[in-house]
mmCIF file of all heavy atoms, coordinates in Angstrom:
data_MODEL
# 
_entry.id   MODEL 
# 
loop_
_atom_site.group_PDB 
_atom_site.id 
_atom_site.type_symbol 
_atom_site.label_atom_id 
_atom_site.label_alt_id 
_atom_site.label_comp_id 
_atom_site.label_asym_id 
_atom_site.label_entity_id 
_atom_site.label_seq_id 
_atom_site.pdbx_PDB_ins_code 
_atom_site.Cartn_x 
_atom_site.Cartn_y 
_atom_site.Cartn_z 
_atom_site.occupancy 
_atom_site.B_iso_or_equiv 
_atom_site.pdbx_formal_charge 
_atom_site.auth_seq_id 
_atom_site.auth_comp_id 
_atom_site.auth_asym_id 
_atom_site.auth_atom_id 
_atom_site.pdbx_PDB_model_num 
ATOM 1   N N   . VAL A 1 1  ? -18.357 8.288  -27.322 1.00 0.00 ? 1  VAL A N   1 
ATOM 2   C CA  . VAL A 1 1  ? -19.701 8.685  -26.940 1.00 0.00 ? 1  VAL A CA  1 
ATOM 3   C C   . VAL A 1 1  ? -20.530 7.581  -26.349 1.00 0.00 ? 1  VAL A C   1 
ATOM 4   O O   . VAL A 1 1  ? -21.349 7.814  -25.444 1.00 0.00 ? 1  VAL A O   1 
ATOM 5   C CB  . VAL A 1 1  ? -20.468 9.356  -28.111 1.00 0.00 ? 1  VAL A CB  1 
ATOM 6   C CG1 . VAL A 1 1  ? -19.704 10.571 -28.553 1.00 0.00 ? 1  VAL A CG1 1 
ATOM 7   C CG2 . VAL A 1 1  ? -20.658 8.373  -29.233 1.00 0.00 ? 1  VAL A CG2 1 
ATOM 8   N N   . LEU A 1 2  ? -20.267 6.321  -26.772 1.00 0.00 ? 2  LEU A N   1 
ATOM 9   C CA  . LEU A 1 2  ? -20.954 5.198  -26.113 1.00 0.00 ? 2  LEU A CA  1 
ATOM 10  C C   . LEU A 1 2  ? -20.448 4.973  -24.712 1.00 0.00 ? 2  LEU A C   1 
ATOM 11  O O   . LEU A 1 2  ? -21.287 4.782  -23.781 1.00 0.00 ? 2  LEU A O   1 
ATOM 12  C CB  . LEU A 1 2  ? -20.677 3.955  -26.932 1.00 0.00 ? 2  LEU A CB  1 
ATOM 13  C CG  . LEU A 1 2  ? -21.507 3.771  -28.237 1.00 0.00 ? 2  LEU A CG  1 
ATOM 14  C CD1 . LEU A 1 2  ? -21.166 2.356  -28.912 1.00 0.00 ? 2  LEU A CD1 1 
ATOM 15  C CD2 . LEU A 1 2  ? -23.044 3.815  -27.957 1.00 0.00 ? 2  LEU A CD2 1 
ATOM 16  N N   . GLU A 1 3  ? -19.166 4.992  -24.452 1.00 0.00 ? 3  GLU A N   1 
ATOM 17  C CA  . GLU A 1 3  ? -18.603 4.725  -23.190 1.00 0.00 ? 3  GLU A CA  1 
ATOM 18  C C   . GLU A 1 3  ? -18.884 5.806  -22.162 1.00 0.00 ? 3  GLU A C   1 
ATOM 19  O O   . GLU A 1 3  ? -18.903 5.566  -20.983 1.00 0.00 ? 3  GLU A O   1 
ATOM 20  C CB  . GLU A 1 3  ? -17.113 4.516  -23.300 1.00 0.00 ? 3  GLU A CB  1 
ATOM 21  C CG  . GLU A 1 3  ? -16.702 3.126  -23.801 1.00 0.00 ? 3  GLU A CG  1 
ATOM 22  C CD  . GLU A 1 3  ? -17.314 1.995  -22.917 1.00 0.00 ? 3  GLU A CD  1 
ATOM 23  O OE1 . GLU A 1 3  ? -16.952 1.926  -21.744 1.00 0.00 ? 3  GLU A OE1 1 
ATOM 24  O OE2 . GLU A 1 3  ? -18.121 1.241  -23.429 1.00 0.00 ? 3  GLU A OE2 1 
ATOM 25  N N   . ARG A 1 4  ? -19.127 7.070  -22.603 1.00 0.00 ? 4  ARG A N   1 
ATOM 26  C CA  . ARG A 1 4  ? -19.415 8.149  -21.605 1.00 0.00 ? 4  ARG A CA  1 
ATOM 27  C C   . ARG A 1 4  ? -20.775 7.789  -20.873 1.00 0.00 ? 4  ARG A C   1 
ATOM 28  O O   . ARG A 1 4  ? -20.993 8.290  -19.804 1.00 0.00 ? 4  ARG A O   1 
ATOM 29  C CB  . ARG A 1 4  ? -19.569 9.433  -22.372 1.00 0.00 ? 4  ARG A CB  1 
ATOM 30  C CG  . ARG A 1 4  ? -18.211 10.171 -22.600 1.00 0.00 ? 4  ARG A CG  1 
ATOM 31  C CD  . ARG A 1 4  ? -18.449 11.452 -23.352 1.00 0.00 ? 4  ARG A CD  1 
ATOM 32  N NE  . ARG A 1 4  ? -19.108 12.462 -22.527 1.00 0.00 ? 4  ARG A NE  1 
ATOM 33  C CZ  . ARG A 1 4  ? -18.477 13.502 -21.943 1.00 0.00 ? 4  ARG A CZ  1 
ATOM 34  N NH1 . ARG A 1 4  ? -17.151 13.601 -22.054 1.00 0.00 ? 4  ARG A NH1 1 
ATOM 35  N NH2 . ARG A 1 4  ? -19.222 14.379 -21.296 1.00 0.00 ? 4  ARG A NH2 1 
ATOM 36  N N   . ARG A 1 5  ? -21.616 6.997  -21.488 1.00 0.00 ? 5  ARG A N   1 
ATOM 37  C CA  . ARG A 1 5  ? -22.873 6.598  -20.746 1.00 0.00 ? 5  ARG A CA  1 
ATOM 38  C C   . ARG A 1 5  ? -22.586 5.900  -19.472 1.00 0.00 ? 5  ARG A C   1 
ATOM 39  O O   . ARG A 1 5  ? -23.366 5.941  -18.553 1.00 0.00 ? 5  ARG A O   1 
ATOM 40  C CB  . ARG A 1 5  ? -23.718 5.789  -21.708 1.00 0.00 ? 5  ARG A CB  1 
ATOM 41  C CG  . ARG A 1 5  ? -24.327 6.549  -22.892 1.00 0.00 ? 5  ARG A CG  1 
ATOM 42  C CD  . ARG A 1 5  ? -25.283 5.621  -23.633 1.00 0.00 ? 5  ARG A CD  1 
ATOM 43  N NE  . ARG A 1 5  ? -24.673 4.335  -23.968 1.00 0.00 ? 5  ARG A NE  1 
ATOM 44  C CZ  . ARG A 1 5  ? -25.165 3.423  -24.776 1.00 0.00 ? 5  ARG A CZ  1 
ATOM 45  N NH1 . ARG A 1 5  ? -26.300 3.774  -25.379 1.00 0.00 ? 5  ARG A NH1 1 
ATOM 46  N NH2 . ARG A 1 5  ? -24.571 2.378  -24.985 1.00 0.00 ? 5  ARG A NH2 1 
ATOM 47  N N   . SER A 1 6  ? -21.509 5.162  -19.430 1.00 0.00 ? 6  SER A N   1 
ATOM 48  C CA  . SER A 1 6  ? -21.223 4.357  -18.217 1.00 0.00 ? 6  SER A CA  1 
ATOM 49  C C   . SER A 1 6  ? -20.838 5.228  -17.018 1.00 0.00 ? 6  SER A C   1 
ATOM 50  O O   . SER A 1 6  ? -20.761 4.770  -15.883 1.00 0.00 ? 6  SER A O   1 
ATOM 51  C CB  . SER A 1 6  ? -20.014 3.383  -18.479 1.00 0.00 ? 6  SER A CB  1 
ATOM 52  O OG  . SER A 1 6  ? -18.817 4.096  -18.798 1.00 0.00 ? 6  SER A OG  1 
ATOM 53  N N   . PHE A 1 7  ? -20.619 6.556  -17.273 1.00 0.00 ? 7  PHE A N   1 
ATOM 54  C CA  . PHE A 1 7  ? -20.267 7.506  -16.151 1.00 0.00 ? 7  PHE A CA  1 
ATOM 55  C C   . PHE A 1 7  ? -21.542 8.179  -15.638 1.00 0.00 ? 7  PHE A C   1 
ATOM 56  O O   . PHE A 1 7  ? -21.439 9.104  -14.823 1.00 0.00 ? 7  PHE A O   1 
ATOM 57  C CB  . PHE A 1 7  ? -19.268 8.514  -16.643 1.00 0.00 ? 7  PHE A CB  1 
ATOM 58  C CG  . PHE A 1 7  ? -17.939 7.953  -16.965 1.00 0.00 ? 7  PHE A CG  1 
ATOM 59  C CD1 . PHE A 1 7  ? -17.629 7.515  -18.291 1.00 0.00 ? 7  PHE A CD1 1 
ATOM 60  C CD2 . PHE A 1 7  ? -16.938 7.795  -16.025 1.00 0.00 ? 7  PHE A CD2 1 
ATOM 61  C CE1 . PHE A 1 7  ? -16.389 6.998  -18.583 1.00 0.00 ? 7  PHE A CE1 1 
ATOM 62  C CE2 . PHE A 1 7  ? -15.710 7.282  -16.289 1.00 0.00 ? 7  PHE A CE2 1 
ATOM 63  C CZ  . PHE A 1 7  ? -15.435 6.818  -17.571 1.00 0.00 ? 7  PHE A CZ  1 
ATOM 64  N N   . GLY A 1 8  ? -22.703 7.753  -16.068 1.00 0.00 ? 8  GLY A N   1 
ATOM 65  C CA  . GLY A 1 8  ? -23.980 8.311  -15.598 1.00 0.00 ? 8  GLY A CA  1 
ATOM 66  C C   . GLY A 1 8  ? -24.069 9.839  -15.951 1.00 0.00 ? 8  GLY A C   1 
ATOM 67  O O   . GLY A 1 8  ? -23.692 10.218 -17.128 1.00 0.00 ? 8  GLY A O   1 
ATOM 68  N N   . ALA A 1 9  ? -24.537 10.609 -15.043 1.00 0.00 ? 9  ALA A N   1 
ATOM 69  C CA  . ALA A 1 9  ? -24.750 12.023 -15.264 1.00 0.00 ? 9  ALA A CA  1 
ATOM 70  C C   . ALA A 1 9  ? -23.433 12.774 -15.600 1.00 0.00 ? 9  ALA A C   1 
ATOM 71  O O   . ALA A 1 9  ? -23.441 13.875 -16.092 1.00 0.00 ? 9  ALA A O   1 
ATOM 72  C CB  . ALA A 1 9  ? -25.405 12.707 -14.110 1.00 0.00 ? 9  ALA A CB  1 
ATOM 73  N N   . LEU A 1 10 ? -22.259 12.183 -15.137 1.00 0.00 ? 10 LEU A N   1 
ATOM 74  C CA  . LEU A 1 10 ? -20.969 12.811 -15.480 1.00 0.00 ? 10 LEU A CA  1 
ATOM 75  C C   . LEU A 1 10 ? -20.704 12.668 -16.939 1.00 0.00 ? 10 LEU A C   1 
ATOM 76  O O   . LEU A 1 10 ? -20.020 13.567 -17.564 1.00 0.00 ? 10 LEU A O   1 
ATOM 77  C CB  . LEU A 1 10 ? -19.832 12.162 -14.707 1.00 0.00 ? 10 LEU A CB  1 
ATOM 78  C CG  . LEU A 1 10 ? -19.860 12.313 -13.170 1.00 0.00 ? 10 LEU A CG  1 
ATOM 79  C CD1 . LEU A 1 10 ? -18.759 11.508 -12.536 1.00 0.00 ? 10 LEU A CD1 1 
ATOM 80  C CD2 . LEU A 1 10 ? -19.757 13.823 -12.770 1.00 0.00 ? 10 LEU A CD2 1 
ATOM 81  N N   . GLY A 1 11 ? -21.214 11.693 -17.597 1.00 0.00 ? 11 GLY A N   1 
ATOM 82  C CA  . GLY A 1 11 ? -20.989 11.500 -19.029 1.00 0.00 ? 11 GLY A CA  1 
ATOM 83  C C   . GLY A 1 11 ? -22.013 12.299 -19.852 1.00 0.00 ? 11 GLY A C   1 
ATOM 84  O O   . GLY A 1 11 ? -21.598 13.107 -20.729 1.00 0.00 ? 11 GLY A O   1 
ATOM 85  N N   . TRP A 1 12 ? -23.278 12.015 -19.696 1.00 0.00 ? 12 TRP A N   1 
ATOM 86  C CA  . TRP A 1 12 ? -24.330 12.675 -20.382 1.00 0.00 ? 12 TRP A CA  1 
ATOM 87  C C   . TRP A 1 12 ? -25.436 13.042 -19.366 1.00 0.00 ? 12 TRP A C   1 
ATOM 88  O O   . TRP A 1 12 ? -25.751 12.188 -18.496 1.00 0.00 ? 12 TRP A O   1 
ATOM 89  C CB  . TRP A 1 12 ? -24.915 11.863 -21.477 1.00 0.00 ? 12 TRP A CB  1 
ATOM 90  C CG  . TRP A 1 12 ? -23.942 11.441 -22.504 1.00 0.00 ? 12 TRP A CG  1 
ATOM 91  C CD1 . TRP A 1 12 ? -23.540 10.160 -22.776 1.00 0.00 ? 12 TRP A CD1 1 
ATOM 92  C CD2 . TRP A 1 12 ? -23.296 12.213 -23.510 1.00 0.00 ? 12 TRP A CD2 1 
ATOM 93  N NE1 . TRP A 1 12 ? -22.652 10.134 -23.811 1.00 0.00 ? 12 TRP A NE1 1 
ATOM 94  C CE2 . TRP A 1 12 ? -22.498 11.425 -24.319 1.00 0.00 ? 12 TRP A CE2 1 
ATOM 95  C CE3 . TRP A 1 12 ? -23.295 13.623 -23.791 1.00 0.00 ? 12 TRP A CE3 1 
ATOM 96  C CZ2 . TRP A 1 12 ? -21.721 11.922 -25.377 1.00 0.00 ? 12 TRP A CZ2 1 
ATOM 97  C CZ3 . TRP A 1 12 ? -22.556 14.128 -24.881 1.00 0.00 ? 12 TRP A CZ3 1 
ATOM 98  C CH2 . TRP A 1 12 ? -21.724 13.243 -25.621 1.00 0.00 ? 12 TRP A CH2 1 
ATOM 99  N N   . ASN A 1 13 ? -26.079 14.130 -19.494 1.00 0.00 ? 13 ASN A N   1 
ATOM 100 C CA  . ASN A 1 13 ? -27.222 14.471 -18.664 1.00 0.00 ? 13 ASN A CA  1 
ATOM 101 C C   . ASN A 1 13 ? -28.372 13.528 -18.922 1.00 0.00 ? 13 ASN A C   1 
ATOM 102 O O   . ASN A 1 13 ? -29.116 13.202 -18.001 1.00 0.00 ? 13 ASN A O   1 
ATOM 103 C CB  . ASN A 1 13 ? -27.677 15.926 -18.898 1.00 0.00 ? 13 ASN A CB  1 
ATOM 104 C CG  . ASN A 1 13 ? -26.646 16.939 -18.382 1.00 0.00 ? 13 ASN A CG  1 
ATOM 105 O OD1 . ASN A 1 13 ? -26.093 16.733 -17.261 1.00 0.00 ? 13 ASN A OD1 1 
ATOM 106 N ND2 . ASN A 1 13 ? -26.450 17.976 -19.086 1.00 0.00 ? 13 ASN A ND2 1 
ATOM 107 N N   . ILE A 1 14 ? -28.453 13.077 -20.125 1.00 0.00 ? 14 ILE A N   1 
ATOM 108 C CA  . ILE A 1 14 ? -29.480 12.122 -20.533 1.00 0.00 ? 14 ILE A CA  1 
ATOM 109 C C   . ILE A 1 14 ? -28.792 10.912 -21.251 1.00 0.00 ? 14 ILE A C   1 
ATOM 110 O O   . ILE A 1 14 ? -27.859 11.158 -22.078 1.00 0.00 ? 14 ILE A O   1 
ATOM 111 C CB  . ILE A 1 14 ? -30.563 12.766 -21.497 1.00 0.00 ? 14 ILE A CB  1 
ATOM 112 C CG1 . ILE A 1 14 ? -31.209 13.935 -20.854 1.00 0.00 ? 14 ILE A CG1 1 
ATOM 113 C CG2 . ILE A 1 14 ? -31.534 11.743 -21.967 1.00 0.00 ? 14 ILE A CG2 1 
ATOM 114 C CD1 . ILE A 1 14 ? -32.060 14.731 -21.811 1.00 0.00 ? 14 ILE A CD1 1 
ATOM 115 N N   . ALA A 1 15 ? -29.181 9.710  -20.915 1.00 0.00 ? 15 ALA A N   1 
ATOM 116 C CA  . ALA A 1 15 ? -28.540 8.525  -21.540 1.00 0.00 ? 15 ALA A CA  1 
ATOM 117 C C   . ALA A 1 15 ? -29.110 8.298  -22.945 1.00 0.00 ? 15 ALA A C   1 
ATOM 118 O O   . ALA A 1 15 ? -30.229 7.877  -23.111 1.00 0.00 ? 15 ALA A O   1 
ATOM 119 C CB  . ALA A 1 15 ? -28.814 7.318  -20.688 1.00 0.00 ? 15 ALA A CB  1 
ATOM 120 N N   . TYR A 1 16 ? -28.284 8.683  -23.935 1.00 0.00 ? 16 TYR A N   1 
ATOM 121 C CA  . TYR A 1 16 ? -28.785 8.616  -25.297 1.00 0.00 ? 16 TYR A CA  1 
ATOM 122 C C   . TYR A 1 16 ? -28.514 7.164  -25.951 1.00 0.00 ? 16 TYR A C   1 
ATOM 123 O O   . TYR A 1 16 ? -27.427 6.580  -25.612 1.00 0.00 ? 16 TYR A O   1 
ATOM 124 C CB  . TYR A 1 16 ? -28.147 9.660  -26.187 1.00 0.00 ? 16 TYR A CB  1 
ATOM 125 C CG  . TYR A 1 16 ? -28.397 11.029 -25.652 1.00 0.00 ? 16 TYR A CG  1 
ATOM 126 C CD1 . TYR A 1 16 ? -27.384 11.773 -24.955 1.00 0.00 ? 16 TYR A CD1 1 
ATOM 127 C CD2 . TYR A 1 16 ? -29.629 11.624 -25.847 1.00 0.00 ? 16 TYR A CD2 1 
ATOM 128 C CE1 . TYR A 1 16 ? -27.619 13.049 -24.467 1.00 0.00 ? 16 TYR A CE1 1 
ATOM 129 C CE2 . TYR A 1 16 ? -29.871 12.927 -25.360 1.00 0.00 ? 16 TYR A CE2 1 
ATOM 130 C CZ  . TYR A 1 16 ? -28.875 13.599 -24.660 1.00 0.00 ? 16 TYR A CZ  1 
ATOM 131 O OH  . TYR A 1 16 ? -29.133 14.843 -24.154 1.00 0.00 ? 16 TYR A OH  1 
ATOM 132 N N   . ASP A 1 17 ? -29.347 6.731  -26.825 1.00 0.00 ? 17 ASP A N   1 
ATOM 133 C CA  . ASP A 1 17 ? -29.230 5.473  -27.423 1.00 0.00 ? 17 ASP A CA  1 
ATOM 134 C C   . ASP A 1 17 ? -28.458 5.557  -28.748 1.00 0.00 ? 17 ASP A C   1 
ATOM 135 O O   . ASP A 1 17 ? -29.011 5.293  -29.811 1.00 0.00 ? 17 ASP A O   1 
ATOM 136 C CB  . ASP A 1 17 ? -30.587 4.773  -27.638 1.00 0.00 ? 17 ASP A CB  1 
ATOM 137 C CG  . ASP A 1 17 ? -31.297 4.430  -26.314 1.00 0.00 ? 17 ASP A CG  1 
ATOM 138 O OD1 . ASP A 1 17 ? -30.602 4.304  -25.346 1.00 0.00 ? 17 ASP A OD1 1 
ATOM 139 O OD2 . ASP A 1 17 ? -32.520 4.275  -26.363 1.00 0.00 ? 17 ASP A OD2 1 
ATOM 140 N N   . PHE A 1 18 ? -27.222 5.978  -28.688 1.00 0.00 ? 18 PHE A N   1 
ATOM 141 C CA  . PHE A 1 18 ? -26.397 5.949  -29.927 1.00 0.00 ? 18 PHE A CA  1 
ATOM 142 C C   . PHE A 1 18 ? -26.195 4.508  -30.352 1.00 0.00 ? 18 PHE A C   1 
ATOM 143 O O   . PHE A 1 18 ? -25.956 3.662  -29.511 1.00 0.00 ? 18 PHE A O   1 
ATOM 144 C CB  . PHE A 1 18 ? -25.042 6.651  -29.682 1.00 0.00 ? 18 PHE A CB  1 
ATOM 145 C CG  . PHE A 1 18 ? -25.132 8.077  -29.268 1.00 0.00 ? 18 PHE A CG  1 
ATOM 146 C CD1 . PHE A 1 18 ? -24.646 8.421  -27.964 1.00 0.00 ? 18 PHE A CD1 1 
ATOM 147 C CD2 . PHE A 1 18 ? -25.713 9.009  -30.025 1.00 0.00 ? 18 PHE A CD2 1 
ATOM 148 C CE1 . PHE A 1 18 ? -24.670 9.748  -27.540 1.00 0.00 ? 18 PHE A CE1 1 
ATOM 149 C CE2 . PHE A 1 18 ? -25.738 10.350 -29.603 1.00 0.00 ? 18 PHE A CE2 1 
ATOM 150 C CZ  . PHE A 1 18 ? -25.292 10.716 -28.379 1.00 0.00 ? 18 PHE A CZ  1 
ATOM 151 N N   . THR A 1 19 ? -26.297 4.273  -31.658 1.00 0.00 ? 19 THR A N   1 
ATOM 152 C CA  . THR A 1 19 ? -26.174 2.884  -32.184 1.00 0.00 ? 19 THR A CA  1 
ATOM 153 C C   . THR A 1 19 ? -25.154 2.772  -33.269 1.00 0.00 ? 19 THR A C   1 
ATOM 154 O O   . THR A 1 19 ? -24.600 3.754  -33.732 1.00 0.00 ? 19 THR A O   1 
ATOM 155 C CB  . THR A 1 19 ? -27.546 2.422  -32.716 1.00 0.00 ? 19 THR A CB  1 
ATOM 156 O OG1 . THR A 1 19 ? -27.888 3.207  -33.906 1.00 0.00 ? 19 THR A OG1 1 
ATOM 157 C CG2 . THR A 1 19 ? -28.635 2.656  -31.677 1.00 0.00 ? 19 THR A CG2 1 
ATOM 158 N N   . GLN A 1 20 ? -24.938 1.530  -33.662 1.00 0.00 ? 20 GLN A N   1 
ATOM 159 C CA  . GLN A 1 20 ? -24.057 1.256  -34.766 1.00 0.00 ? 20 GLN A CA  1 
ATOM 160 C C   . GLN A 1 20 ? -24.531 1.870  -36.067 1.00 0.00 ? 20 GLN A C   1 
ATOM 161 O O   . GLN A 1 20 ? -23.792 2.232  -36.915 1.00 0.00 ? 20 GLN A O   1 
ATOM 162 C CB  . GLN A 1 20 ? -23.856 -0.224 -34.922 1.00 0.00 ? 20 GLN A CB  1 
ATOM 163 C CG  . GLN A 1 20 ? -22.872 -0.699 -36.019 1.00 0.00 ? 20 GLN A CG  1 
ATOM 164 C CD  . GLN A 1 20 ? -21.414 -0.429 -35.607 1.00 0.00 ? 20 GLN A CD  1 
ATOM 165 O OE1 . GLN A 1 20 ? -21.123 -0.406 -34.414 1.00 0.00 ? 20 GLN A OE1 1 
ATOM 166 N NE2 . GLN A 1 20 ? -20.559 -0.229 -36.562 1.00 0.00 ? 20 GLN A NE2 1 
ATOM 167 N N   . GLY A 1 21 ? -25.870 2.018  -36.093 1.00 0.00 ? 21 GLY A N   1 
ATOM 168 C CA  . GLY A 1 21 ? -26.430 2.657  -37.323 1.00 0.00 ? 21 GLY A CA  1 
ATOM 169 C C   . GLY A 1 21 ? -26.006 4.071  -37.503 1.00 0.00 ? 21 GLY A C   1 
ATOM 170 O O   . GLY A 1 21 ? -25.840 4.579  -38.647 1.00 0.00 ? 21 GLY A O   1 
ATOM 171 N N   . ASP A 1 22 ? -25.826 4.814  -36.438 1.00 0.00 ? 22 ASP A N   1 
ATOM 172 C CA  . ASP A 1 22 ? -25.309 6.197  -36.477 1.00 0.00 ? 22 ASP A CA  1 
ATOM 173 C C   . ASP A 1 22 ? -23.911 6.219  -37.128 1.00 0.00 ? 22 ASP A C   1 
ATOM 174 O O   . ASP A 1 22 ? -23.596 7.075  -37.968 1.00 0.00 ? 22 ASP A O   1 
ATOM 175 C CB  . ASP A 1 22 ? -25.263 6.838  -35.128 1.00 0.00 ? 22 ASP A CB  1 
ATOM 176 C CG  . ASP A 1 22 ? -26.674 6.871  -34.459 1.00 0.00 ? 22 ASP A CG  1 
ATOM 177 O OD1 . ASP A 1 22 ? -27.678 7.079  -35.191 1.00 0.00 ? 22 ASP A OD1 1 
ATOM 178 O OD2 . ASP A 1 22 ? -26.733 6.726  -33.261 1.00 0.00 ? 22 ASP A OD2 1 
ATOM 179 N N   . LEU A 1 23 ? -23.075 5.288  -36.696 1.00 0.00 ? 23 LEU A N   1 
ATOM 180 C CA  . LEU A 1 23 ? -21.730 5.207  -37.202 1.00 0.00 ? 23 LEU A CA  1 
ATOM 181 C C   . LEU A 1 23 ? -21.707 4.798  -38.711 1.00 0.00 ? 23 LEU A C   1 
ATOM 182 O O   . LEU A 1 23 ? -21.035 5.379  -39.502 1.00 0.00 ? 23 LEU A O   1 
ATOM 183 C CB  . LEU A 1 23 ? -20.911 4.180  -36.448 1.00 0.00 ? 23 LEU A CB  1 
ATOM 184 C CG  . LEU A 1 23 ? -19.484 3.936  -36.934 1.00 0.00 ? 23 LEU A CG  1 
ATOM 185 C CD1 . LEU A 1 23 ? -18.643 5.186  -36.904 1.00 0.00 ? 23 LEU A CD1 1 
ATOM 186 C CD2 . LEU A 1 23 ? -18.780 2.809  -36.139 1.00 0.00 ? 23 LEU A CD2 1 
ATOM 187 N N   . ASP A 1 24 ? -22.627 3.871  -39.106 1.00 0.00 ? 24 ASP A N   1 
ATOM 188 C CA  . ASP A 1 24 ? -22.671 3.366  -40.459 1.00 0.00 ? 24 ASP A CA  1 
ATOM 189 C C   . ASP A 1 24 ? -23.076 4.519  -41.424 1.00 0.00 ? 24 ASP A C   1 
ATOM 190 O O   . ASP A 1 24 ? -22.524 4.688  -42.508 1.00 0.00 ? 24 ASP A O   1 
ATOM 191 C CB  . ASP A 1 24 ? -23.729 2.280  -40.575 1.00 0.00 ? 24 ASP A CB  1 
ATOM 192 C CG  . ASP A 1 24 ? -23.255 0.981  -39.914 1.00 0.00 ? 24 ASP A CG  1 
ATOM 193 O OD1 . ASP A 1 24 ? -22.054 0.854  -39.641 1.00 0.00 ? 24 ASP A OD1 1 
ATOM 194 O OD2 . ASP A 1 24 ? -24.103 0.119  -39.606 1.00 0.00 ? 24 ASP A OD2 1 
ATOM 195 N N   . VAL A 1 25 ? -24.029 5.390  -40.983 1.00 0.00 ? 25 VAL A N   1 
ATOM 196 C CA  . VAL A 1 25 ? -24.419 6.483  -41.825 1.00 0.00 ? 25 VAL A CA  1 
ATOM 197 C C   . VAL A 1 25 ? -23.237 7.471  -41.978 1.00 0.00 ? 25 VAL A C   1 
ATOM 198 O O   . VAL A 1 25 ? -22.996 7.988  -43.095 1.00 0.00 ? 25 VAL A O   1 
ATOM 199 C CB  . VAL A 1 25 ? -25.617 7.253  -41.175 1.00 0.00 ? 25 VAL A CB  1 
ATOM 200 C CG1 . VAL A 1 25 ? -25.928 8.510  -41.961 1.00 0.00 ? 25 VAL A CG1 1 
ATOM 201 C CG2 . VAL A 1 25 ? -26.875 6.299  -41.220 1.00 0.00 ? 25 VAL A CG2 1 
ATOM 202 N N   . CYS A 1 26 ? -22.505 7.752  -40.934 1.00 0.00 ? 26 CYS A N   1 
ATOM 203 C CA  . CYS A 1 26 ? -21.392 8.632  -40.991 1.00 0.00 ? 26 CYS A CA  1 
ATOM 204 C C   . CYS A 1 26 ? -20.280 8.110  -41.942 1.00 0.00 ? 26 CYS A C   1 
ATOM 205 O O   . CYS A 1 26 ? -19.627 8.850  -42.678 1.00 0.00 ? 26 CYS A O   1 
ATOM 206 C CB  . CYS A 1 26 ? -20.784 8.885  -39.585 1.00 0.00 ? 26 CYS A CB  1 
ATOM 207 S SG  . CYS A 1 26 ? -21.760 9.919  -38.570 1.00 0.00 ? 26 CYS A SG  1 
ATOM 208 N N   . ILE A 1 27 ? -20.069 6.822  -41.927 1.00 0.00 ? 27 ILE A N   1 
ATOM 209 C CA  . ILE A 1 27 ? -19.110 6.177  -42.748 1.00 0.00 ? 27 ILE A CA  1 
ATOM 210 C C   . ILE A 1 27 ? -19.520 6.331  -44.215 1.00 0.00 ? 27 ILE A C   1 
ATOM 211 O O   . ILE A 1 27 ? -18.704 6.659  -45.064 1.00 0.00 ? 27 ILE A O   1 
ATOM 212 C CB  . ILE A 1 27 ? -18.841 4.662  -42.407 1.00 0.00 ? 27 ILE A CB  1 
ATOM 213 C CG1 . ILE A 1 27 ? -18.235 4.586  -41.014 1.00 0.00 ? 27 ILE A CG1 1 
ATOM 214 C CG2 . ILE A 1 27 ? -18.050 3.975  -43.431 1.00 0.00 ? 27 ILE A CG2 1 
ATOM 215 C CD1 . ILE A 1 27 ? -18.113 3.190  -40.463 1.00 0.00 ? 27 ILE A CD1 1 
# 
């Protein structure tokens, strides 16, 4: 989900600020 941002609008319509904190909570 982080790397999809590098594809611009092809990856996400909006560039979201997913962070390491999101992963830490899931873990």
